[in-house]
Amino acid sequence: GLALVDCRVHGMNYSILRKTRMTAVQVEPAFISNVKEERLLGSGRYIETISRAISQGVARFLEMEKQSII
């Protein structure tokens, strides 16, 4: 994990995703309005960690979808 505070906004009705007819995800791994997170976003190593976490999550989802079709 990224060791950040979970803001508990899961399942909220975001307009950016509401009318999408395809599988979609909105990723907000950190916020520049949070001093600690802004500092982390300046680190190439941290950006790589975020990128890896997102790609692994998408890969897991796709594998689950593939298995549910079979």
PDB file of N, CA and C in Angstrom:
ATOM      1  N   GLY A   1       0.808  -1.179   0.000  1.00  0.00           N
ATOM      2  CA  GLY A   1       0.000   0.000   0.000  1.00  0.00           C
ATOM      3  C   GLY A   1       0.859   1.253   0.000  1.00  0.00           C
ATOM      4  N   LEU A   2       0.172   2.346  -0.137  1.00  0.00           N
ATOM      5  CA  LEU A   2       0.849   3.635  -0.203  1.00  0.00           C
ATOM      6  C   LEU A   2       0.979   4.304   1.156  1.00  0.00           C
ATOM      7  N   ALA A   3       0.405   3.725   2.187  1.00  0.00           N
ATOM      8  CA  ALA A   3       0.493   4.238   3.559  1.00  0.00           C
ATOM      9  C   ALA A   3      -0.093   5.639   3.696  1.00  0.00           C
ATOM     10  N   LEU A   4      -1.190   5.907   2.982  1.00  0.00           N
ATOM     11  CA  LEU A   4      -1.879   7.184   3.101  1.00  0.00           C
ATOM     12  C   LEU A   4      -3.211   6.970   3.811  1.00  0.00           C
ATOM     13  N   VAL A   5      -3.788   8.039   4.315  1.00  0.00           N
ATOM     14  CA  VAL A   5      -5.074   7.968   4.991  1.00  0.00           C
ATOM     15  C   VAL A   5      -6.166   7.705   3.964  1.00  0.00           C
ATOM     16  N   ASP A   6      -7.053   6.761   4.258  1.00  0.00           N
ATOM     17  CA  ASP A   6      -8.189   6.458   3.397  1.00  0.00           C
ATOM     18  C   ASP A   6      -9.303   7.449   3.729  1.00  0.00           C
ATOM     19  N   CYS A   7      -9.692   8.268   2.773  1.00  0.00           N
ATOM     20  CA  CYS A   7     -10.697   9.313   3.015  1.00  0.00           C
ATOM     21  C   CYS A   7     -12.131   8.790   2.968  1.00  0.00           C
ATOM     22  N   ARG A   8     -12.311   7.519   2.730  1.00  0.00           N
ATOM     23  CA  ARG A   8     -13.623   6.866   2.756  1.00  0.00           C
ATOM     24  C   ARG A   8     -14.652   7.498   1.824  1.00  0.00           C
ATOM     25  N   VAL A   9     -14.304   7.623   0.559  1.00  0.00           N
ATOM     26  CA  VAL A   9     -15.248   8.149  -0.417  1.00  0.00           C
ATOM     27  C   VAL A   9     -15.665   7.062  -1.409  1.00  0.00           C
ATOM     28  N   HIS A  10     -15.470   5.813  -1.054  1.00  0.00           N
ATOM     29  CA  HIS A  10     -15.814   4.689  -1.923  1.00  0.00           C
ATOM     30  C   HIS A  10     -17.309   4.713  -2.257  1.00  0.00           C
ATOM     31  N   GLY A  11     -17.616   4.449  -3.497  1.00  0.00           N
ATOM     32  CA  GLY A  11     -19.014   4.351  -3.902  1.00  0.00           C
ATOM     33  C   GLY A  11     -19.715   5.687  -4.090  1.00  0.00           C
ATOM     34  N   MET A  12     -18.991   6.772  -4.008  1.00  0.00           N
ATOM     35  CA  MET A  12     -19.617   8.079  -4.221  1.00  0.00           C
ATOM     36  C   MET A  12     -20.012   8.188  -5.695  1.00  0.00           C
ATOM     37  N   ASN A  13     -20.970   9.017  -5.988  1.00  0.00           N
ATOM     38  CA  ASN A  13     -21.498   9.166  -7.334  1.00  0.00           C
ATOM     39  C   ASN A  13     -20.759  10.294  -8.062  1.00  0.00           C
ATOM     40  N   TYR A  14     -19.629   9.991  -8.665  1.00  0.00           N
ATOM     41  CA  TYR A  14     -18.818  10.991  -9.350  1.00  0.00           C
ATOM     42  C   TYR A  14     -19.324  11.222 -10.768  1.00  0.00           C
ATOM     43  N   SER A  15     -19.556  12.475 -11.121  1.00  0.00           N
ATOM     44  CA  SER A  15     -20.092  12.799 -12.444  1.00  0.00           C
ATOM     45  C   SER A  15     -19.164  12.354 -13.568  1.00  0.00           C
ATOM     46  N   ILE A  16     -17.864  12.353 -13.325  1.00  0.00           N
ATOM     47  CA  ILE A  16     -16.905  11.962 -14.362  1.00  0.00           C
ATOM     48  C   ILE A  16     -17.078  10.494 -14.777  1.00  0.00           C
ATOM     49  N   LEU A  17     -17.606   9.665 -13.891  1.00  0.00           N
ATOM     50  CA  LEU A  17     -17.778   8.239 -14.182  1.00  0.00           C
ATOM     51  C   LEU A  17     -19.241   7.849 -14.407  1.00  0.00           C
ATOM     52  N   ARG A  18     -20.166   8.685 -14.020  1.00  0.00           N
ATOM     53  CA  ARG A  18     -21.584   8.328 -13.970  1.00  0.00           C
ATOM     54  C   ARG A  18     -22.141   7.830 -15.295  1.00  0.00           C
ATOM     55  N   LYS A  19     -21.846   8.502 -16.386  1.00  0.00           N
ATOM     56  CA  LYS A  19     -22.457   8.147 -17.671  1.00  0.00           C
ATOM     57  C   LYS A  19     -21.564   7.279 -18.550  1.00  0.00           C
ATOM     58  N   THR A  20     -20.476   6.822 -18.020  1.00  0.00           N
ATOM     59  CA  THR A  20     -19.568   5.965 -18.776  1.00  0.00           C
ATOM     60  C   THR A  20     -20.215   4.608 -19.011  1.00  0.00           C
ATOM     61  N   ARG A  21     -20.126   4.106 -20.236  1.00  0.00           N
ATOM     62  CA  ARG A  21     -20.716   2.808 -20.563  1.00  0.00           C
ATOM     63  C   ARG A  21     -19.675   1.692 -20.577  1.00  0.00           C
ATOM     64  N   MET A  22     -18.478   2.016 -20.158  1.00  0.00           N
ATOM     65  CA  MET A  22     -17.413   1.020 -20.137  1.00  0.00           C
ATOM     66  C   MET A  22     -16.837   0.954 -18.726  1.00  0.00           C
ATOM     67  N   THR A  23     -16.072  -0.064 -18.466  1.00  0.00           N
ATOM     68  CA  THR A  23     -15.382  -0.155 -17.192  1.00  0.00           C
ATOM     69  C   THR A  23     -14.454   1.043 -17.071  1.00  0.00           C
ATOM     70  N   ALA A  24     -14.506   1.724 -15.935  1.00  0.00           N
ATOM     71  CA  ALA A  24     -13.690   2.923 -15.749  1.00  0.00           C
ATOM     72  C   ALA A  24     -13.259   3.027 -14.296  1.00  0.00           C
ATOM     73  N   VAL A  25     -12.193   3.753 -14.099  1.00  0.00           N
ATOM     74  CA  VAL A  25     -11.702   3.986 -12.744  1.00  0.00           C
ATOM     75  C   VAL A  25     -11.186   5.420 -12.666  1.00  0.00           C
ATOM     76  N   GLN A  26     -11.458   6.069 -11.548  1.00  0.00           N
ATOM     77  CA  GLN A  26     -10.909   7.399 -11.294  1.00  0.00           C
ATOM     78  C   GLN A  26      -9.876   7.228 -10.195  1.00  0.00           C
ATOM     79  N   VAL A  27      -8.656   7.594 -10.488  1.00  0.00           N
ATOM     80  CA  VAL A  27      -7.560   7.390  -9.539  1.00  0.00           C
ATOM     81  C   VAL A  27      -7.128   8.733  -8.962  1.00  0.00           C
ATOM     82  N   GLU A  28      -7.175   8.831  -7.655  1.00  0.00           N
ATOM     83  CA  GLU A  28      -6.698  10.021  -6.943  1.00  0.00           C
ATOM     84  C   GLU A  28      -5.806   9.537  -5.805  1.00  0.00           C
ATOM     85  N   PRO A  29      -4.577   9.157  -6.128  1.00  0.00           N
ATOM     86  CA  PRO A  29      -3.715   8.529  -5.123  1.00  0.00           C
ATOM     87  C   PRO A  29      -3.173   9.475  -4.062  1.00  0.00           C
ATOM     88  N   ALA A  30      -3.185  10.768  -4.328  1.00  0.00           N
ATOM     89  CA  ALA A  30      -2.672  11.742  -3.361  1.00  0.00           C
ATOM     90  C   ALA A  30      -3.163  13.123  -3.783  1.00  0.00           C
ATOM     91  N   PHE A  31      -3.084  14.058  -2.853  1.00  0.00           N
ATOM     92  CA  PHE A  31      -3.596  15.401  -3.113  1.00  0.00           C
ATOM     93  C   PHE A  31      -2.555  16.450  -2.758  1.00  0.00           C
ATOM     94  N   ILE A  32      -2.372  17.432  -3.646  1.00  0.00           N
ATOM     95  CA  ILE A  32      -1.403  18.491  -3.367  1.00  0.00           C
ATOM     96  C   ILE A  32      -1.897  19.425  -2.269  1.00  0.00           C
ATOM     97  N   SER A  33      -3.177  19.355  -1.922  1.00  0.00           N
ATOM     98  CA  SER A  33      -3.704  20.175  -0.828  1.00  0.00           C
ATOM     99  C   SER A  33      -3.302  19.617   0.538  1.00  0.00           C
ATOM    100  N   ASN A  34      -2.745  18.405   0.547  1.00  0.00           N
ATOM    101  CA  ASN A  34      -2.245  17.782   1.774  1.00  0.00           C
ATOM    102  C   ASN A  34      -0.722  17.913   1.751  1.00  0.00           C
ATOM    103  N   VAL A  35      -0.169  18.620   2.732  1.00  0.00           N
ATOM    104  CA  VAL A  35       1.271  18.926   2.736  1.00  0.00           C
ATOM    105  C   VAL A  35       2.128  17.665   2.641  1.00  0.00           C
ATOM    106  N   LYS A  36       1.800  16.638   3.413  1.00  0.00           N
ATOM    107  CA  LYS A  36       2.578  15.393   3.398  1.00  0.00           C
ATOM    108  C   LYS A  36       2.511  14.733   2.018  1.00  0.00           C
ATOM    109  N   GLU A  37       1.302  14.657   1.462  1.00  0.00           N
ATOM    110  CA  GLU A  37       1.132  14.018   0.161  1.00  0.00           C
ATOM    111  C   GLU A  37       1.779  14.834  -0.953  1.00  0.00           C
ATOM    112  N   GLU A  38       1.721  16.160  -0.850  1.00  0.00           N
ATOM    113  CA  GLU A  38       2.375  17.006  -1.850  1.00  0.00           C
ATOM    114  C   GLU A  38       3.877  16.728  -1.882  1.00  0.00           C
ATOM    115  N   ARG A  39       4.471  16.592  -0.716  1.00  0.00           N
ATOM    116  CA  ARG A  39       5.903  16.294  -0.627  1.00  0.00           C
ATOM    117  C   ARG A  39       6.197  14.938  -1.282  1.00  0.00           C
ATOM    118  N   LEU A  40       5.362  13.944  -0.994  1.00  0.00           N
ATOM    119  CA  LEU A  40       5.557  12.615  -1.575  1.00  0.00           C
ATOM    120  C   LEU A  40       5.460  12.650  -3.097  1.00  0.00           C
ATOM    121  N   LEU A  41       4.544  13.459  -3.623  1.00  0.00           N
ATOM    122  CA  LEU A  41       4.366  13.543  -5.071  1.00  0.00           C
ATOM    123  C   LEU A  41       5.582  14.129  -5.784  1.00  0.00           C
ATOM    124  N   GLY A  42       6.481  14.755  -5.049  1.00  0.00           N
ATOM    125  CA  GLY A  42       7.719  15.270  -5.624  1.00  0.00           C
ATOM    126  C   GLY A  42       8.800  14.219  -5.762  1.00  0.00           C
ATOM    127  N   SER A  43       8.523  13.010  -5.285  1.00  0.00           N
ATOM    128  CA  SER A  43       9.507  11.932  -5.311  1.00  0.00           C
ATOM    129  C   SER A  43       9.251  10.988  -6.483  1.00  0.00           C
ATOM    130  N   GLY A  44      10.245  10.849  -7.349  1.00  0.00           N
ATOM    131  CA  GLY A  44      10.125   9.909  -8.462  1.00  0.00           C
ATOM    132  C   GLY A  44       9.874   8.491  -7.986  1.00  0.00           C
ATOM    133  N   ARG A  45      10.492   8.141  -6.883  1.00  0.00           N
ATOM    134  CA  ARG A  45      10.312   6.796  -6.323  1.00  0.00           C
ATOM    135  C   ARG A  45       8.855   6.582  -5.895  1.00  0.00           C
ATOM    136  N   TYR A  46       8.265   7.601  -5.292  1.00  0.00           N
ATOM    137  CA  TYR A  46       6.876   7.496  -4.855  1.00  0.00           C
ATOM    138  C   TYR A  46       5.930   7.423  -6.056  1.00  0.00           C
ATOM    139  N   ILE A  47       6.195   8.213  -7.087  1.00  0.00           N
ATOM    140  CA  ILE A  47       5.389   8.161  -8.313  1.00  0.00           C
ATOM    141  C   ILE A  47       5.450   6.759  -8.912  1.00  0.00           C
ATOM    142  N   GLU A  48       6.624   6.154  -8.900  1.00  0.00           N
ATOM    143  CA  GLU A  48       6.773   4.789  -9.403  1.00  0.00           C
ATOM    144  C   GLU A  48       5.949   3.812  -8.561  1.00  0.00           C
ATOM    145  N   THR A  49       5.942   3.996  -7.245  1.00  0.00           N
ATOM    146  CA  THR A  49       5.153   3.142  -6.355  1.00  0.00           C
ATOM    147  C   THR A  49       3.666   3.278  -6.670  1.00  0.00           C
ATOM    148  N   ILE A  50       3.202   4.504  -6.862  1.00  0.00           N
ATOM    149  CA  ILE A  50       1.802   4.738  -7.221  1.00  0.00           C
ATOM    150  C   ILE A  50       1.480   4.058  -8.548  1.00  0.00           C
ATOM    151  N   SER A  51       2.345   4.237  -9.534  1.00  0.00           N
ATOM    152  CA  SER A  51       2.132   3.642 -10.858  1.00  0.00           C
ATOM    153  C   SER A  51       2.041   2.130 -10.780  1.00  0.00           C
ATOM    154  N   ARG A  52       2.930   1.533 -10.004  1.00  0.00           N
ATOM    155  CA  ARG A  52       2.927   0.080  -9.852  1.00  0.00           C
ATOM    156  C   ARG A  52       1.633  -0.388  -9.175  1.00  0.00           C
ATOM    157  N   ALA A  53       1.199   0.307  -8.135  1.00  0.00           N
ATOM    158  CA  ALA A  53      -0.025  -0.068  -7.419  1.00  0.00           C
ATOM    159  C   ALA A  53      -1.244   0.013  -8.336  1.00  0.00           C
ATOM    160  N   ILE A  54      -1.329   1.055  -9.144  1.00  0.00           N
ATOM    161  CA  ILE A  54      -2.452   1.209 -10.073  1.00  0.00           C
ATOM    162  C   ILE A  54      -2.434   0.101 -11.114  1.00  0.00           C
ATOM    163  N   SER A  55      -1.283  -0.153 -11.711  1.00  0.00           N
ATOM    164  CA  SER A  55      -1.213  -1.181 -12.758  1.00  0.00           C
ATOM    165  C   SER A  55      -1.505  -2.568 -12.202  1.00  0.00           C
ATOM    166  N   GLN A  56      -1.057  -2.854 -10.995  1.00  0.00           N
ATOM    167  CA  GLN A  56      -1.359  -4.150 -10.378  1.00  0.00           C
ATOM    168  C   GLN A  56      -2.854  -4.281 -10.091  1.00  0.00           C
ATOM    169  N   GLY A  57      -3.481  -3.205  -9.641  1.00  0.00           N
ATOM    170  CA  GLY A  57      -4.920  -3.235  -9.385  1.00  0.00           C
ATOM    171  C   GLY A  57      -5.720  -3.472 -10.650  1.00  0.00           C
ATOM    172  N   VAL A  58      -5.349  -2.808 -11.731  1.00  0.00           N
ATOM    173  CA  VAL A  58      -6.034  -2.999 -13.009  1.00  0.00           C
ATOM    174  C   VAL A  58      -5.820  -4.425 -13.507  1.00  0.00           C
ATOM    175  N   ALA A  59      -4.602  -4.934 -13.407  1.00  0.00           N
ATOM    176  CA  ALA A  59      -4.313  -6.305 -13.844  1.00  0.00           C
ATOM    177  C   ALA A  59      -5.139  -7.317 -13.048  1.00  0.00           C
ATOM    178  N   ARG A  60      -5.246  -7.122 -11.734  1.00  0.00           N
ATOM    179  CA  ARG A  60      -6.062  -8.029 -10.904  1.00  0.00           C
ATOM    180  C   ARG A  60      -7.526  -7.982 -11.319  1.00  0.00           C
ATOM    181  N   PHE A  61      -8.034  -6.788 -11.567  1.00  0.00           N
ATOM    182  CA  PHE A  61      -9.418  -6.647 -11.994  1.00  0.00           C
ATOM    183  C   PHE A  61      -9.650  -7.385 -13.307  1.00  0.00           C
ATOM    184  N   LEU A  62      -8.758  -7.183 -14.273  1.00  0.00           N
ATOM    185  CA  LEU A  62      -8.908  -7.833 -15.572  1.00  0.00           C
ATOM    186  C   LEU A  62      -8.845  -9.347 -15.446  1.00  0.00           C
ATOM    187  N   GLU A  63      -7.996  -9.847 -14.580  1.00  0.00           N
ATOM    188  CA  GLU A  63      -7.914 -11.296 -14.355  1.00  0.00           C
ATOM    189  C   GLU A  63      -9.215 -11.810 -13.743  1.00  0.00           C
ATOM    190  N   MET A  64      -9.789 -11.070 -12.808  1.00  0.00           N
ATOM    191  CA  MET A  64     -11.063 -11.473 -12.199  1.00  0.00           C
ATOM    192  C   MET A  64     -12.173 -11.473 -13.241  1.00  0.00           C
ATOM    193  N   GLU A  65     -12.192 -10.460 -14.106  1.00  0.00           N
ATOM    194  CA  GLU A  65     -13.198 -10.387 -15.162  1.00  0.00           C
ATOM    195  C   GLU A  65     -13.058 -11.570 -16.114  1.00  0.00           C
ATOM    196  N   LYS A  66     -11.823 -11.893 -16.469  1.00  0.00           N
ATOM    197  CA  LYS A  66     -11.564 -13.005 -17.382  1.00  0.00           C
ATOM    198  C   LYS A  66     -12.065 -14.310 -16.776  1.00  0.00           C
ATOM    199  N   GLN A  67     -11.810 -14.516 -15.490  1.00  0.00           N
ATOM    200  CA  GLN A  67     -12.234 -15.746 -14.823  1.00  0.00           C
ATOM    201  C   GLN A  67     -13.748 -15.822 -14.683  1.00  0.00           C
ATOM    202  N   SER A  68     -14.427 -14.688 -14.534  1.00  0.00           N
ATOM    203  CA  SER A  68     -15.883 -14.714 -14.382  1.00  0.00           C
ATOM    204  C   SER A  68     -16.573 -15.042 -15.703  1.00  0.00           C
ATOM    205  N   ILE A  69     -15.896 -14.804 -16.818  1.00  0.00           N
ATOM    206  CA  ILE A  69     -16.451 -15.117 -18.136  1.00  0.00           C
ATOM    207  C   ILE A  69     -16.331 -16.605 -18.425  1.00  0.00           C
ATOM    208  N   ILE A  70     -15.263 -17.208 -17.943  1.00  0.00           N
ATOM    209  CA  ILE A  70     -14.984 -18.621 -18.240  1.00  0.00           C
ATOM    210  C   ILE A  70     -15.932 -19.534 -17.555  1.00  0.00           C
TER     211      ILE A  70
END
